[in-house]
Amino acid sequence: MRYAAIDIGSNAVRLLIVNIIEREGEITFKKDTLIRVPLRLGDDAFLLNNLSERKAKQLTQTMIAFSNLMEVFLSGMKQKSI
């Protein structure tokens, strides 16, 4: 089984994809992929109290890219299990 998590921070946006393995009642997590995009959202947020259009567009593009990557990673997992 695979899970993905997205962390939107003031310095970077990260996508973590992990494999969850269950054997003999024990569950372990194994990192598959970690992608970090340094958007520096805090530059706007802390100085202007909001995001500029440019930073908002970069964040939107990053989230779309992460969504596409998750679709590929998760569909690859489904194909392997068949």
N, C-alpha and C. Protein backbone atom coordinates (compact mmCIF):
# COMPACT_ATOMS: atom_id res chain seq x y z
N MET A 1 0.85 -1.15 0.00
CA MET A 1 0.00 0.00 0.00
C MET A 1 0.91 1.24 0.00
N ARG A 2 0.50 2.27 -0.70
CA ARG A 2 1.26 3.53 -0.76
C ARG A 2 0.41 4.68 -0.26
N TYR A 3 1.07 5.60 0.43
CA TYR A 3 0.42 6.83 0.87
C TYR A 3 1.29 8.01 0.46
N ALA A 4 0.65 9.16 0.28
CA ALA A 4 1.36 10.39 -0.06
C ALA A 4 0.94 11.48 0.91
N ALA A 5 1.88 12.36 1.22
CA ALA A 5 1.59 13.51 2.08
C ALA A 5 2.26 14.73 1.48
N ILE A 6 1.57 15.86 1.59
CA ILE A 6 2.12 17.13 1.11
C ILE A 6 2.25 18.07 2.29
N ASP A 7 3.42 18.67 2.43
CA ASP A 7 3.70 19.64 3.49
C ASP A 7 3.95 20.99 2.83
N ILE A 8 3.07 21.95 3.12
CA ILE A 8 3.24 23.31 2.58
C ILE A 8 3.80 24.16 3.71
N GLY A 9 5.07 24.52 3.58
CA GLY A 9 5.73 25.31 4.61
C GLY A 9 6.06 26.70 4.10
N SER A 10 6.63 27.50 4.97
CA SER A 10 6.97 28.87 4.59
C SER A 10 8.18 28.92 3.66
N ASN A 11 8.99 27.87 3.66
CA ASN A 11 10.20 27.85 2.84
C ASN A 11 10.08 26.95 1.61
N ALA A 12 9.39 25.83 1.77
CA ALA A 12 9.31 24.86 0.67
C ALA A 12 8.02 24.07 0.76
N VAL A 13 7.68 23.45 -0.36
CA VAL A 13 6.55 22.53 -0.43
C VAL A 13 7.14 21.16 -0.73
N ARG A 14 6.73 20.16 0.07
CA ARG A 14 7.32 18.83 -0.07
C ARG A 14 6.23 17.78 -0.30
N LEU A 15 6.57 16.81 -1.15
CA LEU A 15 5.72 15.66 -1.39
C LEU A 15 6.49 14.43 -0.93
N LEU A 16 5.88 13.68 -0.02
CA LEU A 16 6.48 12.44 0.47
C LEU A 16 5.57 11.29 0.09
N ILE A 17 6.13 10.27 -0.54
CA ILE A 17 5.39 9.06 -0.88
C ILE A 17 6.08 7.91 -0.15
N VAL A 18 5.28 7.15 0.62
CA VAL A 18 5.82 6.04 1.39
C VAL A 18 5.10 4.75 1.04
N ASN A 19 5.81 3.66 1.18
CA ASN A 19 5.22 2.33 1.07
C ASN A 19 4.94 1.85 2.49
N ILE A 20 3.77 1.29 2.69
CA ILE A 20 3.41 0.73 3.99
C ILE A 20 3.39 -0.78 3.83
N ILE A 21 4.20 -1.42 4.64
CA ILE A 21 4.38 -2.86 4.54
C ILE A 21 3.88 -3.50 5.84
N GLU A 22 3.00 -4.48 5.70
CA GLU A 22 2.51 -5.21 6.86
C GLU A 22 2.94 -6.66 6.74
N ARG A 23 3.72 -7.11 7.71
CA ARG A 23 4.20 -8.50 7.76
C ARG A 23 4.06 -9.03 9.17
N GLU A 24 3.39 -10.14 9.27
CA GLU A 24 3.25 -10.82 10.55
C GLU A 24 2.76 -9.88 11.64
N GLY A 25 1.79 -9.05 11.30
CA GLY A 25 1.19 -8.14 12.27
C GLY A 25 2.01 -6.88 12.56
N GLU A 26 3.17 -6.73 11.95
CA GLU A 26 4.01 -5.56 12.16
C GLU A 26 3.93 -4.64 10.94
N ILE A 27 3.73 -3.37 11.20
CA ILE A 27 3.61 -2.38 10.12
C ILE A 27 4.87 -1.53 10.09
N THR A 28 5.45 -1.40 8.88
CA THR A 28 6.62 -0.55 8.70
C THR A 28 6.38 0.41 7.55
N PHE A 29 7.04 1.54 7.60
CA PHE A 29 6.95 2.56 6.58
C PHE A 29 8.31 2.67 5.90
N LYS A 30 8.29 2.67 4.58
CA LYS A 30 9.54 2.82 3.83
C LYS A 30 9.39 3.99 2.86
N LYS A 31 10.26 4.98 3.01
CA LYS A 31 10.20 6.15 2.13
C LYS A 31 10.51 5.74 0.71
N ASP A 32 9.62 6.11 -0.20
CA ASP A 32 9.81 5.82 -1.62
C ASP A 32 10.38 7.04 -2.32
N THR A 33 9.72 8.18 -2.13
CA THR A 33 10.09 9.40 -2.85
C THR A 33 9.86 10.62 -1.97
N LEU A 34 10.80 11.55 -2.03
CA LEU A 34 10.63 12.85 -1.37
C LEU A 34 11.03 13.92 -2.39
N ILE A 35 10.09 14.79 -2.69
CA ILE A 35 10.34 15.88 -3.65
C ILE A 35 10.14 17.20 -2.91
N ARG A 36 11.11 18.09 -3.04
CA ARG A 36 11.07 19.39 -2.36
C ARG A 36 11.16 20.49 -3.40
N VAL A 37 10.21 21.43 -3.33
CA VAL A 37 10.21 22.59 -4.23
C VAL A 37 10.34 23.84 -3.36
N PRO A 38 11.46 24.57 -3.44
CA PRO A 38 11.67 25.76 -2.59
C PRO A 38 10.92 26.98 -3.13
N LEU A 39 9.68 27.17 -2.69
CA LEU A 39 8.88 28.30 -3.17
C LEU A 39 9.08 29.58 -2.37
N ARG A 40 9.54 29.47 -1.14
CA ARG A 40 9.75 30.63 -0.27
C ARG A 40 8.46 31.44 -0.08
N LEU A 41 7.39 30.74 0.28
CA LEU A 41 6.09 31.40 0.48
C LEU A 41 6.15 32.40 1.63
N GLY A 42 7.00 32.16 2.59
CA GLY A 42 7.12 33.04 3.74
C GLY A 42 7.60 34.43 3.38
N ASP A 43 8.35 34.56 2.28
CA ASP A 43 8.81 35.89 1.87
C ASP A 43 7.64 36.85 1.73
N ASP A 44 6.57 36.39 1.10
CA ASP A 44 5.38 37.21 0.93
C ASP A 44 4.52 37.22 2.19
N ALA A 45 4.30 36.05 2.73
CA ALA A 45 3.35 35.91 3.84
C ALA A 45 3.77 36.73 5.06
N PHE A 46 5.04 36.70 5.40
CA PHE A 46 5.49 37.41 6.60
C PHE A 46 5.62 38.92 6.37
N LEU A 47 5.95 39.32 5.14
CA LEU A 47 6.11 40.75 4.85
C LEU A 47 4.80 41.42 4.44
N LEU A 48 3.99 40.72 3.65
CA LEU A 48 2.79 41.32 3.07
C LEU A 48 1.48 40.82 3.69
N ASN A 49 1.57 39.80 4.55
CA ASN A 49 0.40 39.16 5.15
C ASN A 49 -0.49 38.45 4.14
N ASN A 50 0.01 38.18 2.96
CA ASN A 50 -0.70 37.37 1.96
C ASN A 50 0.31 36.91 0.91
N LEU A 51 -0.18 36.14 -0.04
CA LEU A 51 0.70 35.67 -1.12
C LEU A 51 0.52 36.55 -2.35
N SER A 52 1.62 36.84 -3.00
CA SER A 52 1.54 37.57 -4.27
C SER A 52 0.92 36.64 -5.32
N GLU A 53 0.46 37.22 -6.41
CA GLU A 53 -0.10 36.40 -7.49
C GLU A 53 0.94 35.43 -8.03
N ARG A 54 2.17 35.88 -8.11
CA ARG A 54 3.26 35.04 -8.62
C ARG A 54 3.47 33.81 -7.74
N LYS A 55 3.53 34.03 -6.42
CA LYS A 55 3.73 32.90 -5.49
C LYS A 55 2.51 31.98 -5.49
N ALA A 56 1.31 32.55 -5.57
CA ALA A 56 0.09 31.74 -5.61
C ALA A 56 0.08 30.88 -6.87
N LYS A 57 0.51 31.44 -7.99
CA LYS A 57 0.57 30.67 -9.24
C LYS A 57 1.60 29.55 -9.14
N GLN A 58 2.76 29.85 -8.55
CA GLN A 58 3.79 28.82 -8.37
C GLN A 58 3.28 27.69 -7.46
N LEU A 59 2.56 28.05 -6.40
CA LEU A 59 2.01 27.05 -5.50
C LEU A 59 0.98 26.18 -6.23
N THR A 60 0.12 26.81 -7.01
CA THR A 60 -0.89 26.07 -7.78
C THR A 60 -0.23 25.12 -8.76
N GLN A 61 0.79 25.59 -9.47
CA GLN A 61 1.49 24.74 -10.43
C GLN A 61 2.18 23.57 -9.73
N THR A 62 2.74 23.82 -8.56
CA THR A 62 3.40 22.76 -7.79
C THR A 62 2.39 21.72 -7.34
N MET A 63 1.22 22.17 -6.87
CA MET A 63 0.19 21.22 -6.42
C MET A 63 -0.33 20.38 -7.58
N ILE A 64 -0.48 20.98 -8.75
CA ILE A 64 -0.90 20.22 -9.94
C ILE A 64 0.16 19.18 -10.30
N ALA A 65 1.43 19.59 -10.25
CA ALA A 65 2.51 18.64 -10.54
C ALA A 65 2.53 17.51 -9.53
N PHE A 66 2.35 17.82 -8.24
CA PHE A 66 2.31 16.79 -7.21
C PHE A 66 1.13 15.85 -7.44
N SER A 67 -0.01 16.40 -7.82
CA SER A 67 -1.19 15.59 -8.10
C SER A 67 -0.91 14.60 -9.23
N ASN A 68 -0.27 15.09 -10.28
CA ASN A 68 0.09 14.21 -11.41
C ASN A 68 1.07 13.12 -10.98
N LEU A 69 2.05 13.49 -10.17
CA LEU A 69 3.03 12.50 -9.69
C LEU A 69 2.35 11.45 -8.82
N MET A 70 1.45 11.88 -7.94
CA MET A 70 0.75 10.93 -7.08
C MET A 70 -0.09 9.97 -7.91
N GLU A 71 -0.72 10.49 -8.94
CA GLU A 71 -1.53 9.63 -9.81
C GLU A 71 -0.66 8.55 -10.46
N VAL A 72 0.52 8.94 -10.93
CA VAL A 72 1.43 7.98 -11.56
C VAL A 72 1.92 6.96 -10.53
N PHE A 73 2.36 7.42 -9.37
CA PHE A 73 2.88 6.52 -8.35
C PHE A 73 1.81 5.58 -7.84
N LEU A 74 0.62 6.10 -7.58
CA LEU A 74 -0.43 5.27 -7.01
C LEU A 74 -1.01 4.32 -8.05
N SER A 75 -1.10 4.76 -9.33
CA SER A 75 -1.60 3.84 -10.35
C SER A 75 -0.58 2.75 -10.63
N GLY A 76 0.69 3.06 -10.52
CA GLY A 76 1.74 2.05 -10.67
C GLY A 76 1.63 0.98 -9.61
N MET A 77 1.23 1.37 -8.42
CA MET A 77 1.05 0.42 -7.33
C MET A 77 -0.13 -0.51 -7.62
N LYS A 78 -1.20 0.04 -8.17
CA LYS A 78 -2.39 -0.77 -8.48
C LYS A 78 -2.06 -1.80 -9.55
N GLN A 79 -1.27 -1.40 -10.53
CA GLN A 79 -0.90 -2.34 -11.60
C GLN A 79 -0.03 -3.47 -11.08
N LYS A 80 0.84 -3.18 -10.13
CA LYS A 80 1.71 -4.20 -9.58
C LYS A 80 0.92 -5.25 -8.79
N SER A 81 -0.16 -4.81 -8.15
CA SER A 81 -0.89 -5.73 -7.29
C SER A 81 -1.82 -6.65 -8.07
N ILE A 82 -2.02 -6.39 -9.35
CA ILE A 82 -2.95 -7.21 -10.16
C ILE A 82 -2.27 -8.48 -10.61
